[in-house]
Amino acid sequence: MWNNFIELQRELTRIFTYYCENPTPDHNEELGHYNFYWKNKRLELGHISVVDKRDSHGIWMMHCNAYARAHYPMPIYGFDVVCSKKKVTGCFHDLSPTGYNDMIMPRKEVKRERTLPEWAVEIFSENMLAAGNVTEEDECLEYAMMGMDSLEAWFLRSEALKPIVPAVKYIGRRSKYCQNQLMNPHSFKVMENLGFPSDYLTEFKTSKQFPF
């Protein structure tokens, strides 16, 4: 199953690099952790994080976010997937509303929808994709295509914006998004179970993955 999402990672990397030029890498190869960061005039932070534990644990994970600058406020792009060779345990994708230039994702019916906790309901859109226990290649490919198309649309919308006075409400909603994401114990526990030290995870999640 991971082949579709590895290809998605390549496509997301291509899109970020097209609009922002080359990424800044930050890897810990010993842990199988690979991070890429982008910025440009309109993008405060673009981030792809890959955990590649295929050889040791049979697991591949990707996290991706795009946060706009306050002069060019946008919804928050997010895509997360955890998969083994034969099954996707979780796939989550959203254009999370901030009250500025919000983009409505098409509602996608999934076979096994994941129930969202309260912290997630507070920040994600009503049409968020939250799929679990995916075992069909066609379904994986469809989700990967959604993630690619959404990021391309995000940049096209952003490129058309004129600058505004920094949006205080946007900054607050971006901060809430990050703080609520940090309430997710599952992500931390999964990475701990894959051999990531707790202090490494705390630093990574608060300073690099959800820094606002």
N, C-alpha and C. Protein backbone atom coordinates (compact mmCIF):
# COMPACT_ATOMS: atom_id res chain seq x y z
N MET A 1 0.81 -1.22 0.00
CA MET A 1 0.00 0.00 0.00
C MET A 1 0.85 1.27 0.00
N TRP A 2 2.05 1.17 0.54
CA TRP A 2 2.83 2.39 0.70
C TRP A 2 3.33 2.96 -0.62
N ASN A 3 3.34 2.18 -1.71
CA ASN A 3 3.86 2.70 -2.97
C ASN A 3 3.09 3.92 -3.47
N ASN A 4 1.75 3.90 -3.31
CA ASN A 4 0.94 5.04 -3.74
C ASN A 4 1.32 6.31 -2.97
N PHE A 5 1.61 6.15 -1.68
CA PHE A 5 1.89 7.32 -0.86
C PHE A 5 3.34 7.77 -0.96
N ILE A 6 4.23 6.84 -1.28
CA ILE A 6 5.61 7.24 -1.59
C ILE A 6 5.62 8.08 -2.86
N GLU A 7 4.80 7.68 -3.82
CA GLU A 7 4.68 8.49 -5.04
C GLU A 7 4.04 9.84 -4.72
N LEU A 8 3.05 9.86 -3.82
CA LEU A 8 2.46 11.12 -3.40
C LEU A 8 3.51 12.02 -2.77
N GLN A 9 4.37 11.45 -1.92
CA GLN A 9 5.43 12.26 -1.31
C GLN A 9 6.30 12.91 -2.37
N ARG A 10 6.63 12.16 -3.42
CA ARG A 10 7.43 12.72 -4.51
C ARG A 10 6.69 13.88 -5.19
N GLU A 11 5.39 13.70 -5.39
CA GLU A 11 4.61 14.75 -6.06
C GLU A 11 4.47 15.98 -5.17
N LEU A 12 4.23 15.80 -3.87
CA LEU A 12 4.15 16.94 -2.96
C LEU A 12 5.48 17.67 -2.91
N THR A 13 6.57 16.91 -2.90
CA THR A 13 7.91 17.52 -2.92
C THR A 13 8.10 18.34 -4.18
N ARG A 14 7.65 17.79 -5.31
CA ARG A 14 7.76 18.51 -6.57
C ARG A 14 6.98 19.82 -6.54
N ILE A 15 5.77 19.78 -5.99
CA ILE A 15 4.93 20.98 -5.94
C ILE A 15 5.55 22.03 -5.03
N PHE A 16 5.95 21.64 -3.84
CA PHE A 16 6.59 22.58 -2.93
C PHE A 16 7.83 23.21 -3.58
N THR A 17 8.64 22.38 -4.21
CA THR A 17 9.90 22.85 -4.78
C THR A 17 9.65 23.77 -5.98
N TYR A 18 8.60 23.49 -6.74
CA TYR A 18 8.26 24.36 -7.87
C TYR A 18 7.94 25.77 -7.40
N TYR A 19 7.18 25.88 -6.32
CA TYR A 19 6.77 27.20 -5.83
C TYR A 19 7.78 27.83 -4.88
N CYS A 20 8.66 27.03 -4.31
CA CYS A 20 9.54 27.54 -3.25
C CYS A 20 11.02 27.28 -3.49
N GLU A 21 11.37 26.64 -4.57
CA GLU A 21 12.74 26.20 -4.83
C GLU A 21 13.13 25.07 -3.88
N ASN A 22 14.42 24.86 -3.71
CA ASN A 22 14.88 23.65 -3.03
C ASN A 22 14.54 23.64 -1.54
N PRO A 23 14.24 22.46 -0.99
CA PRO A 23 13.91 22.36 0.43
C PRO A 23 15.14 22.39 1.31
N THR A 24 14.91 22.68 2.59
CA THR A 24 15.93 22.53 3.61
C THR A 24 15.73 21.17 4.27
N PRO A 25 16.70 20.26 4.13
CA PRO A 25 16.52 18.93 4.72
C PRO A 25 16.95 18.91 6.19
N ASP A 26 16.34 18.00 6.94
CA ASP A 26 16.70 17.79 8.34
C ASP A 26 16.41 16.32 8.66
N HIS A 27 17.42 15.47 8.48
CA HIS A 27 17.22 14.04 8.57
C HIS A 27 17.91 13.43 9.78
N ASN A 28 17.31 12.37 10.28
CA ASN A 28 17.97 11.50 11.26
C ASN A 28 17.88 10.09 10.69
N GLU A 29 18.88 9.73 9.91
CA GLU A 29 18.82 8.46 9.19
C GLU A 29 18.87 7.27 10.13
N GLU A 30 19.50 7.42 11.28
CA GLU A 30 19.56 6.33 12.24
C GLU A 30 18.17 5.94 12.72
N LEU A 31 17.29 6.94 12.86
CA LEU A 31 15.91 6.68 13.27
C LEU A 31 14.98 6.43 12.08
N GLY A 32 15.49 6.60 10.87
CA GLY A 32 14.62 6.48 9.71
C GLY A 32 13.65 7.63 9.58
N HIS A 33 14.11 8.83 9.96
CA HIS A 33 13.25 10.02 10.00
C HIS A 33 13.80 11.06 9.03
N TYR A 34 12.98 11.46 8.07
CA TYR A 34 13.42 12.35 6.99
C TYR A 34 12.46 13.54 6.92
N ASN A 35 13.02 14.75 7.03
CA ASN A 35 12.21 15.97 7.05
C ASN A 35 12.70 16.95 6.00
N PHE A 36 11.73 17.61 5.37
CA PHE A 36 12.00 18.62 4.36
C PHE A 36 11.15 19.84 4.68
N TYR A 37 11.77 21.04 4.58
CA TYR A 37 11.09 22.29 4.92
C TYR A 37 11.23 23.28 3.77
N TRP A 38 10.12 24.02 3.52
CA TRP A 38 10.11 25.03 2.48
C TRP A 38 9.54 26.35 3.02
N LYS A 39 9.94 27.45 2.38
CA LYS A 39 9.35 28.77 2.64
C LYS A 39 9.37 29.56 1.34
N ASN A 40 8.43 30.50 1.24
CA ASN A 40 8.53 31.52 0.20
C ASN A 40 7.79 32.76 0.68
N LYS A 41 7.54 33.69 -0.20
CA LYS A 41 6.94 34.96 0.19
C LYS A 41 5.58 34.77 0.84
N ARG A 42 4.82 33.75 0.41
CA ARG A 42 3.47 33.51 0.91
C ARG A 42 3.37 32.33 1.86
N LEU A 43 4.36 31.48 1.84
CA LEU A 43 4.35 30.27 2.66
C LEU A 43 5.28 30.44 3.86
N GLU A 44 4.69 30.40 5.05
CA GLU A 44 5.49 30.49 6.28
C GLU A 44 6.26 29.19 6.52
N LEU A 45 5.58 28.07 6.31
CA LEU A 45 6.23 26.78 6.52
C LEU A 45 5.52 25.70 5.71
N GLY A 46 6.29 25.03 4.87
CA GLY A 46 5.86 23.80 4.24
C GLY A 46 6.71 22.68 4.80
N HIS A 47 6.12 21.59 5.17
CA HIS A 47 6.85 20.53 5.86
C HIS A 47 6.37 19.16 5.41
N ILE A 48 7.31 18.32 5.01
CA ILE A 48 7.04 16.90 4.79
C ILE A 48 7.93 16.12 5.74
N SER A 49 7.31 15.25 6.52
CA SER A 49 8.04 14.38 7.44
C SER A 49 7.74 12.93 7.08
N VAL A 50 8.79 12.15 6.88
CA VAL A 50 8.63 10.74 6.53
C VAL A 50 9.31 9.88 7.58
N VAL A 51 8.60 8.90 8.09
CA VAL A 51 9.17 7.87 8.96
C VAL A 51 9.19 6.58 8.14
N ASP A 52 10.39 6.13 7.81
CA ASP A 52 10.53 4.94 6.98
C ASP A 52 11.06 3.79 7.82
N LYS A 53 10.14 2.97 8.30
CA LYS A 53 10.50 1.80 9.10
C LYS A 53 10.05 0.52 8.38
N ARG A 54 10.12 0.54 7.07
CA ARG A 54 9.67 -0.62 6.30
C ARG A 54 10.51 -1.86 6.59
N ASP A 55 11.80 -1.68 6.68
CA ASP A 55 12.66 -2.85 6.88
C ASP A 55 12.56 -3.42 8.29
N SER A 56 12.47 -2.55 9.29
CA SER A 56 12.48 -3.03 10.68
C SER A 56 11.10 -3.34 11.24
N HIS A 57 10.07 -2.53 10.84
CA HIS A 57 8.75 -2.69 11.43
C HIS A 57 7.63 -2.86 10.40
N GLY A 58 7.98 -2.78 9.12
CA GLY A 58 6.94 -2.90 8.09
C GLY A 58 5.97 -1.75 8.07
N ILE A 59 6.47 -0.54 8.43
CA ILE A 59 5.60 0.65 8.51
C ILE A 59 6.26 1.82 7.78
N TRP A 60 5.43 2.57 7.07
CA TRP A 60 5.86 3.82 6.42
C TRP A 60 4.82 4.88 6.78
N MET A 61 5.28 6.07 7.21
CA MET A 61 4.40 7.15 7.63
C MET A 61 4.81 8.45 6.96
N MET A 62 3.83 9.29 6.67
CA MET A 62 4.12 10.63 6.16
C MET A 62 3.20 11.65 6.81
N HIS A 63 3.77 12.79 7.14
CA HIS A 63 3.02 13.95 7.61
C HIS A 63 3.37 15.12 6.70
N CYS A 64 2.37 15.89 6.30
CA CYS A 64 2.62 17.07 5.49
C CYS A 64 1.70 18.20 5.92
N ASN A 65 2.28 19.40 6.06
CA ASN A 65 1.50 20.61 6.36
C ASN A 65 1.99 21.77 5.51
N ALA A 66 1.09 22.68 5.23
CA ALA A 66 1.44 23.96 4.61
C ALA A 66 0.74 25.07 5.39
N TYR A 67 1.56 25.98 5.94
CA TYR A 67 1.04 27.12 6.71
C TYR A 67 1.37 28.41 5.97
N ALA A 68 0.36 29.22 5.72
CA ALA A 68 0.57 30.49 5.02
C ALA A 68 1.13 31.55 5.97
N ARG A 69 1.72 32.56 5.38
CA ARG A 69 2.14 33.73 6.15
C ARG A 69 0.92 34.59 6.47
N ALA A 70 1.04 35.38 7.52
CA ALA A 70 -0.10 36.18 7.99
C ALA A 70 -0.48 37.29 7.02
N HIS A 71 0.45 37.68 6.14
CA HIS A 71 0.13 38.67 5.10
C HIS A 71 -0.70 38.06 3.97
N TYR A 72 -0.66 36.74 3.86
CA TYR A 72 -1.39 36.02 2.81
C TYR A 72 -2.14 34.83 3.43
N PRO A 73 -3.07 35.09 4.34
CA PRO A 73 -3.69 34.00 5.11
C PRO A 73 -4.48 33.03 4.25
N MET A 74 -4.35 31.76 4.60
CA MET A 74 -4.98 30.67 3.85
C MET A 74 -5.44 29.59 4.83
N PRO A 75 -6.26 28.64 4.36
CA PRO A 75 -6.51 27.46 5.18
C PRO A 75 -5.22 26.67 5.37
N ILE A 76 -5.21 25.77 6.31
CA ILE A 76 -4.02 24.97 6.60
C ILE A 76 -4.14 23.63 5.88
N TYR A 77 -3.19 23.37 5.00
CA TYR A 77 -3.15 22.10 4.28
C TYR A 77 -2.55 21.03 5.20
N GLY A 78 -3.18 19.87 5.26
CA GLY A 78 -2.64 18.78 6.05
C GLY A 78 -2.91 17.43 5.41
N PHE A 79 -1.91 16.56 5.45
CA PHE A 79 -2.08 15.19 4.96
C PHE A 79 -1.23 14.27 5.82
N ASP A 80 -1.86 13.23 6.38
CA ASP A 80 -1.15 12.26 7.21
C ASP A 80 -1.56 10.86 6.79
N VAL A 81 -0.58 9.95 6.76
CA VAL A 81 -0.89 8.57 6.44
C VAL A 81 0.06 7.64 7.19
N VAL A 82 -0.49 6.54 7.66
CA VAL A 82 0.30 5.47 8.28
C VAL A 82 -0.07 4.19 7.57
N CYS A 83 0.92 3.48 7.03
CA CYS A 83 0.58 2.29 6.26
C CYS A 83 1.63 1.19 6.39
N SER A 84 1.14 -0.03 6.25
CA SER A 84 1.99 -1.19 6.11
C SER A 84 1.99 -1.57 4.62
N LYS A 85 2.62 -2.68 4.31
CA LYS A 85 2.70 -3.08 2.90
C LYS A 85 1.33 -3.40 2.33
N LYS A 86 0.41 -3.91 3.18
CA LYS A 86 -0.87 -4.39 2.69
C LYS A 86 -2.08 -3.63 3.22
N LYS A 87 -1.85 -2.65 4.13
CA LYS A 87 -3.00 -1.96 4.71
C LYS A 87 -2.62 -0.56 5.15
N VAL A 88 -3.56 0.37 4.97
CA VAL A 88 -3.42 1.72 5.51
C VAL A 88 -4.24 1.78 6.80
N THR A 89 -3.57 1.98 7.91
CA THR A 89 -4.29 2.04 9.19
C THR A 89 -4.98 3.38 9.39
N GLY A 90 -4.42 4.45 8.79
CA GLY A 90 -5.05 5.75 8.90
C GLY A 90 -4.59 6.68 7.80
N CYS A 91 -5.53 7.38 7.19
CA CYS A 91 -5.23 8.40 6.18
C CYS A 91 -6.12 9.60 6.46
N PHE A 92 -5.50 10.76 6.64
CA PHE A 92 -6.22 11.97 7.05
C PHE A 92 -5.79 13.13 6.15
N HIS A 93 -6.77 13.84 5.61
CA HIS A 93 -6.47 14.96 4.73
C HIS A 93 -7.50 16.06 4.93
N ASP A 94 -7.01 17.30 4.99
CA ASP A 94 -7.93 18.42 5.19
C ASP A 94 -7.31 19.72 4.69
N LEU A 95 -8.18 20.64 4.36
CA LEU A 95 -7.85 22.05 4.19
C LEU A 95 -8.57 22.76 5.34
N SER A 96 -7.88 22.85 6.45
CA SER A 96 -8.53 23.28 7.70
C SER A 96 -8.81 24.77 7.70
N PRO A 97 -10.04 25.17 7.99
CA PRO A 97 -10.43 26.58 7.87
C PRO A 97 -9.76 27.47 8.89
N THR A 98 -9.41 28.67 8.43
CA THR A 98 -8.87 29.70 9.31
C THR A 98 -9.70 30.98 9.26
N GLY A 99 -10.73 30.99 8.40
CA GLY A 99 -11.55 32.19 8.24
C GLY A 99 -11.05 33.10 7.14
N TYR A 100 -9.99 32.67 6.42
CA TYR A 100 -9.41 33.47 5.34
C TYR A 100 -9.19 32.59 4.12
N ASN A 101 -9.81 32.98 3.00
CA ASN A 101 -9.63 32.27 1.73
C ASN A 101 -9.88 30.77 1.88
N ASP A 102 -10.86 30.43 2.73
CA ASP A 102 -11.11 29.01 2.99
C ASP A 102 -11.53 28.29 1.72
N MET A 103 -11.09 27.06 1.61
CA MET A 103 -11.34 26.23 0.44
C MET A 103 -12.15 25.01 0.89
N ILE A 104 -13.25 24.75 0.23
CA ILE A 104 -14.13 23.64 0.60
C ILE A 104 -13.70 22.38 -0.15
N MET A 105 -13.28 21.39 0.60
CA MET A 105 -12.94 20.11 0.00
C MET A 105 -14.21 19.37 -0.40
N PRO A 106 -14.18 18.66 -1.52
CA PRO A 106 -15.34 17.82 -1.86
C PRO A 106 -15.49 16.72 -0.82
N ARG A 107 -16.73 16.44 -0.46
CA ARG A 107 -16.99 15.39 0.52
C ARG A 107 -16.70 14.03 -0.10
N LYS A 108 -15.85 13.26 0.55
CA LYS A 108 -15.49 11.94 0.05
C LYS A 108 -15.99 10.87 1.01
N GLU A 109 -16.87 10.01 0.52
CA GLU A 109 -17.35 8.90 1.34
C GLU A 109 -16.27 7.82 1.40
N VAL A 110 -15.98 7.35 2.60
CA VAL A 110 -14.97 6.31 2.77
C VAL A 110 -15.63 5.06 3.33
N LYS A 111 -15.00 3.92 3.10
CA LYS A 111 -15.59 2.65 3.53
C LYS A 111 -15.53 2.50 5.04
N ARG A 112 -14.42 2.94 5.64
CA ARG A 112 -14.26 2.81 7.09
C ARG A 112 -13.78 4.15 7.63
N GLU A 113 -14.73 4.99 8.01
CA GLU A 113 -14.39 6.33 8.47
C GLU A 113 -13.90 6.29 9.92
N ARG A 114 -12.81 7.01 10.18
CA ARG A 114 -12.27 7.10 11.52
C ARG A 114 -13.04 8.16 12.31
N THR A 115 -13.42 7.84 13.54
CA THR A 115 -14.09 8.80 14.40
C THR A 115 -13.07 9.77 14.98
N LEU A 116 -13.34 11.06 14.86
CA LEU A 116 -12.40 12.07 15.31
C LEU A 116 -12.63 12.45 16.77
N PRO A 117 -11.57 12.63 17.54
CA PRO A 117 -11.71 13.11 18.91
C PRO A 117 -12.07 14.59 18.94
N GLU A 118 -12.42 15.09 20.11
CA GLU A 118 -12.89 16.48 20.23
C GLU A 118 -11.83 17.48 19.78
N TRP A 119 -10.57 17.22 20.14
CA TRP A 119 -9.52 18.18 19.76
C TRP A 119 -9.44 18.33 18.24
N ALA A 120 -9.72 17.25 17.51
CA ALA A 120 -9.66 17.28 16.05
C ALA A 120 -10.88 17.96 15.44
N VAL A 121 -12.05 17.68 16.00
CA VAL A 121 -13.29 18.29 15.50
C VAL A 121 -13.20 19.81 15.57
N GLU A 122 -12.51 20.32 16.59
CA GLU A 122 -12.40 21.77 16.79
C GLU A 122 -11.60 22.47 15.69
N ILE A 123 -10.75 21.76 14.97
CA ILE A 123 -9.85 22.44 14.02
C ILE A 123 -10.03 21.99 12.57
N PHE A 124 -10.60 20.82 12.35
CA PHE A 124 -10.72 20.31 10.99
C PHE A 124 -12.06 20.68 10.38
N SER A 125 -12.14 20.64 9.06
CA SER A 125 -13.37 20.99 8.36
C SER A 125 -14.35 19.82 8.39
N GLU A 126 -15.60 20.11 8.06
CA GLU A 126 -16.63 19.07 8.06
C GLU A 126 -16.38 18.01 6.99
N ASN A 127 -15.68 18.38 5.94
CA ASN A 127 -15.43 17.45 4.83
C ASN A 127 -14.09 16.75 4.93
N MET A 128 -13.45 16.82 6.08
CA MET A 128 -12.15 16.19 6.23
C MET A 128 -12.20 14.71 5.88
N LEU A 129 -11.15 14.24 5.19
CA LEU A 129 -11.00 12.82 4.90
C LEU A 129 -10.36 12.14 6.11
N ALA A 130 -11.03 11.14 6.66
CA ALA A 130 -10.50 10.39 7.80
C ALA A 130 -10.83 8.93 7.58
N ALA A 131 -9.91 8.21 6.94
CA ALA A 131 -10.14 6.83 6.55
C ALA A 131 -9.24 5.88 7.32
N GLY A 132 -9.76 4.72 7.65
CA GLY A 132 -8.97 3.72 8.34
C GLY A 132 -9.14 2.34 7.74
N ASN A 133 -8.18 1.48 7.98
CA ASN A 133 -8.23 0.08 7.56
C ASN A 133 -8.49 -0.04 6.05
N VAL A 134 -7.69 0.69 5.28
CA VAL A 134 -7.84 0.67 3.82
C VAL A 134 -6.99 -0.46 3.25
N THR A 135 -7.60 -1.33 2.48
CA THR A 135 -6.89 -2.50 1.94
C THR A 135 -6.93 -2.57 0.42
N GLU A 136 -7.57 -1.60 -0.23
CA GLU A 136 -7.68 -1.63 -1.69
C GLU A 136 -6.79 -0.58 -2.32
N GLU A 137 -6.04 -0.99 -3.34
CA GLU A 137 -5.11 -0.09 -4.02
C GLU A 137 -5.81 1.11 -4.64
N ASP A 138 -6.97 0.88 -5.25
CA ASP A 138 -7.68 1.97 -5.91
C ASP A 138 -8.09 3.05 -4.92
N GLU A 139 -8.48 2.64 -3.72
CA GLU A 139 -8.86 3.61 -2.70
C GLU A 139 -7.66 4.42 -2.26
N CYS A 140 -6.52 3.76 -2.08
CA CYS A 140 -5.29 4.47 -1.71
C CYS A 140 -4.90 5.48 -2.78
N LEU A 141 -4.98 5.07 -4.03
CA LEU A 141 -4.62 5.96 -5.13
C LEU A 141 -5.53 7.18 -5.17
N GLU A 142 -6.81 6.97 -4.89
CA GLU A 142 -7.77 8.08 -4.90
C GLU A 142 -7.43 9.10 -3.81
N TYR A 143 -7.07 8.62 -2.62
CA TYR A 143 -6.71 9.53 -1.54
C TYR A 143 -5.42 10.27 -1.86
N ALA A 144 -4.47 9.56 -2.45
CA ALA A 144 -3.20 10.20 -2.82
C ALA A 144 -3.43 11.30 -3.86
N MET A 145 -4.30 11.04 -4.83
CA MET A 145 -4.60 12.04 -5.85
C MET A 145 -5.27 13.26 -5.22
N MET A 146 -6.16 13.04 -4.25
CA MET A 146 -6.79 14.15 -3.55
C MET A 146 -5.73 15.03 -2.87
N GLY A 147 -4.78 14.39 -2.19
CA GLY A 147 -3.74 15.15 -1.51
C GLY A 147 -2.90 15.99 -2.46
N MET A 148 -2.56 15.42 -3.60
CA MET A 148 -1.77 16.14 -4.59
C MET A 148 -2.56 17.31 -5.18
N ASP A 149 -3.79 17.05 -5.58
CA ASP A 149 -4.62 18.10 -6.19
C ASP A 149 -4.87 19.25 -5.22
N SER A 150 -5.08 18.92 -3.94
CA SER A 150 -5.35 19.96 -2.94
C SER A 150 -4.16 20.88 -2.74
N LEU A 151 -2.95 20.32 -2.71
CA LEU A 151 -1.78 21.18 -2.51
C LEU A 151 -1.55 22.08 -3.72
N GLU A 152 -1.75 21.55 -4.90
CA GLU A 152 -1.62 22.37 -6.11
C GLU A 152 -2.64 23.51 -6.08
N ALA A 153 -3.89 23.20 -5.72
CA ALA A 153 -4.94 24.22 -5.63
C ALA A 153 -4.62 25.24 -4.55
N TRP A 154 -4.05 24.78 -3.44
CA TRP A 154 -3.66 25.68 -2.34
C TRP A 154 -2.66 26.72 -2.83
N PHE A 155 -1.65 26.29 -3.55
CA PHE A 155 -0.64 27.22 -4.04
C PHE A 155 -1.21 28.17 -5.09
N LEU A 156 -2.06 27.64 -5.96
CA LEU A 156 -2.65 28.50 -6.99
C LEU A 156 -3.50 29.60 -6.35
N ARG A 157 -4.26 29.26 -5.32
CA ARG A 157 -5.05 30.26 -4.60
C ARG A 157 -4.13 31.26 -3.91
N SER A 158 -3.10 30.77 -3.26
CA SER A 158 -2.18 31.63 -2.54
C SER A 158 -1.47 32.61 -3.48
N GLU A 159 -1.05 32.12 -4.64
CA GLU A 159 -0.33 32.96 -5.59
C GLU A 159 -1.18 34.11 -6.12
N ALA A 160 -2.50 33.96 -6.06
CA ALA A 160 -3.40 34.99 -6.57
C ALA A 160 -3.73 36.07 -5.54
N LEU A 161 -3.30 35.89 -4.30
CA LEU A 161 -3.66 36.82 -3.23
C LEU A 161 -2.81 38.08 -3.25
N LYS A 162 -3.45 39.17 -2.83
CA LYS A 162 -2.72 40.41 -2.58
C LYS A 162 -2.43 40.50 -1.08
N PRO A 163 -1.31 41.10 -0.71
CA PRO A 163 -0.96 41.14 0.72
C PRO A 163 -1.93 42.01 1.50
N ILE A 164 -2.14 41.63 2.77
CA ILE A 164 -2.99 42.39 3.68
C ILE A 164 -2.20 42.68 4.95
N VAL A 165 -2.75 43.52 5.80
CA VAL A 165 -2.17 43.71 7.13
C VAL A 165 -2.21 42.35 7.83
N PRO A 166 -1.12 41.95 8.52
CA PRO A 166 -1.10 40.63 9.16
C PRO A 166 -2.38 40.33 9.92
N ALA A 167 -3.00 39.19 9.60
CA ALA A 167 -4.31 38.84 10.12
C ALA A 167 -4.19 38.23 11.51
N VAL A 168 -4.58 38.99 12.51
CA VAL A 168 -4.45 38.53 13.90
C VAL A 168 -5.30 37.29 14.14
N LYS A 169 -6.52 37.28 13.59
CA LYS A 169 -7.40 36.12 13.79
C LYS A 169 -6.80 34.87 13.15
N TYR A 170 -6.17 35.05 11.99
CA TYR A 170 -5.52 33.91 11.33
C TYR A 170 -4.39 33.37 12.20
N ILE A 171 -3.58 34.25 12.76
CA ILE A 171 -2.47 33.82 13.61
C ILE A 171 -3.00 33.01 14.79
N GLY A 172 -4.11 33.47 15.38
CA GLY A 172 -4.70 32.74 16.49
C GLY A 172 -5.21 31.37 16.09
N ARG A 173 -5.83 31.28 14.92
CA ARG A 173 -6.38 29.99 14.49
C ARG A 173 -5.25 29.03 14.08
N ARG A 174 -4.20 29.58 13.52
CA ARG A 174 -3.04 28.73 13.20
C ARG A 174 -2.41 28.18 14.48
N SER A 175 -2.35 29.02 15.51
CA SER A 175 -1.81 28.58 16.79
C SER A 175 -2.70 27.50 17.41
N LYS A 176 -4.02 27.69 17.34
CA LYS A 176 -4.94 26.70 17.89
C LYS A 176 -4.79 25.37 17.16
N TYR A 177 -4.62 25.42 15.85
CA TYR A 177 -4.42 24.22 15.07
C TYR A 177 -3.23 23.42 15.60
N CYS A 178 -2.11 24.12 15.81
CA CYS A 178 -0.90 23.45 16.29
C CYS A 178 -1.08 22.93 17.72
N GLN A 179 -1.65 23.75 18.58
CA GLN A 179 -1.82 23.33 19.97
C GLN A 179 -2.77 22.13 20.09
N ASN A 180 -3.81 22.12 19.28
CA ASN A 180 -4.72 20.97 19.30
C ASN A 180 -4.05 19.71 18.74
N GLN A 181 -3.25 19.88 17.71
CA GLN A 181 -2.53 18.73 17.18
C GLN A 181 -1.61 18.11 18.23
N LEU A 182 -1.05 18.94 19.07
CA LEU A 182 -0.16 18.45 20.13
C LEU A 182 -0.92 17.69 21.21
N MET A 183 -2.25 17.78 21.21
CA MET A 183 -3.06 17.01 22.15
C MET A 183 -3.23 15.56 21.71
N ASN A 184 -2.79 15.24 20.50
CA ASN A 184 -2.99 13.91 19.95
C ASN A 184 -1.96 12.94 20.55
N PRO A 185 -2.36 12.06 21.47
CA PRO A 185 -1.41 11.15 22.08
C PRO A 185 -1.03 9.99 21.17
N HIS A 186 -1.88 9.70 20.19
CA HIS A 186 -1.67 8.52 19.35
C HIS A 186 -0.40 8.67 18.51
N SER A 187 -0.22 9.84 17.91
CA SER A 187 0.95 10.07 17.06
C SER A 187 2.24 9.89 17.84
N PHE A 188 2.27 10.44 19.05
CA PHE A 188 3.46 10.33 19.90
C PHE A 188 3.74 8.87 20.24
N LYS A 189 2.68 8.14 20.62
CA LYS A 189 2.85 6.75 21.04
C LYS A 189 3.30 5.86 19.89
N VAL A 190 2.76 6.09 18.70
CA VAL A 190 3.16 5.30 17.54
C VAL A 190 4.65 5.46 17.28
N MET A 191 5.14 6.71 17.33
CA MET A 191 6.56 6.94 17.06
C MET A 191 7.43 6.41 18.19
N GLU A 192 6.95 6.51 19.42
CA GLU A 192 7.69 5.91 20.53
C GLU A 192 7.83 4.40 20.34
N ASN A 193 6.75 3.76 19.92
CA ASN A 193 6.78 2.31 19.70
C ASN A 193 7.70 1.92 18.55
N LEU A 194 8.00 2.88 17.68
CA LEU A 194 8.91 2.63 16.57
C LEU A 194 10.37 2.94 16.94
N GLY A 195 10.60 3.29 18.21
CA GLY A 195 11.96 3.48 18.68
C GLY A 195 12.44 4.90 18.80
N PHE A 196 11.52 5.88 18.69
CA PHE A 196 11.90 7.28 18.82
C PHE A 196 11.97 7.66 20.30
N PRO A 197 13.08 8.26 20.75
CA PRO A 197 13.19 8.71 22.15
C PRO A 197 12.17 9.81 22.46
N SER A 198 11.66 9.83 23.68
CA SER A 198 10.63 10.79 24.08
C SER A 198 11.11 12.23 23.96
N ASP A 199 12.37 12.50 24.37
CA ASP A 199 12.87 13.87 24.30
C ASP A 199 13.03 14.34 22.86
N TYR A 200 13.42 13.44 21.98
CA TYR A 200 13.52 13.75 20.55
C TYR A 200 12.14 14.11 20.00
N LEU A 201 11.13 13.31 20.35
CA LEU A 201 9.77 13.56 19.85
C LEU A 201 9.21 14.87 20.37
N THR A 202 9.43 15.17 21.64
CA THR A 202 8.92 16.42 22.22
C THR A 202 9.51 17.62 21.51
N GLU A 203 10.81 17.59 21.28
CA GLU A 203 11.48 18.70 20.58
C GLU A 203 10.97 18.81 19.15
N PHE A 204 10.87 17.68 18.47
CA PHE A 204 10.44 17.68 17.07
C PHE A 204 9.02 18.21 16.93
N LYS A 205 8.11 17.70 17.74
CA LYS A 205 6.72 18.05 17.57
C LYS A 205 6.42 19.50 17.95
N THR A 206 7.04 20.00 19.00
CA THR A 206 6.74 21.36 19.46
C THR A 206 7.52 22.43 18.70
N SER A 207 8.71 22.10 18.21
CA SER A 207 9.56 23.11 17.56
C SER A 207 9.56 23.04 16.05
N LYS A 208 9.25 21.85 15.47
CA LYS A 208 9.39 21.68 14.04
C LYS A 208 8.11 21.25 13.34
N GLN A 209 7.34 20.35 13.98
CA GLN A 209 6.14 19.85 13.31
C GLN A 209 4.93 20.77 13.51
N PHE A 210 4.74 21.22 14.73
CA PHE A 210 3.62 22.14 15.03
C PHE A 210 4.16 23.32 15.82
N PRO A 211 4.89 24.22 15.16
CA PRO A 211 5.68 25.23 15.89
C PRO A 211 4.95 26.53 16.22
N PHE A 212 3.71 26.68 15.79
CA PHE A 212 3.06 27.98 15.95
C PHE A 212 2.16 28.04 17.19
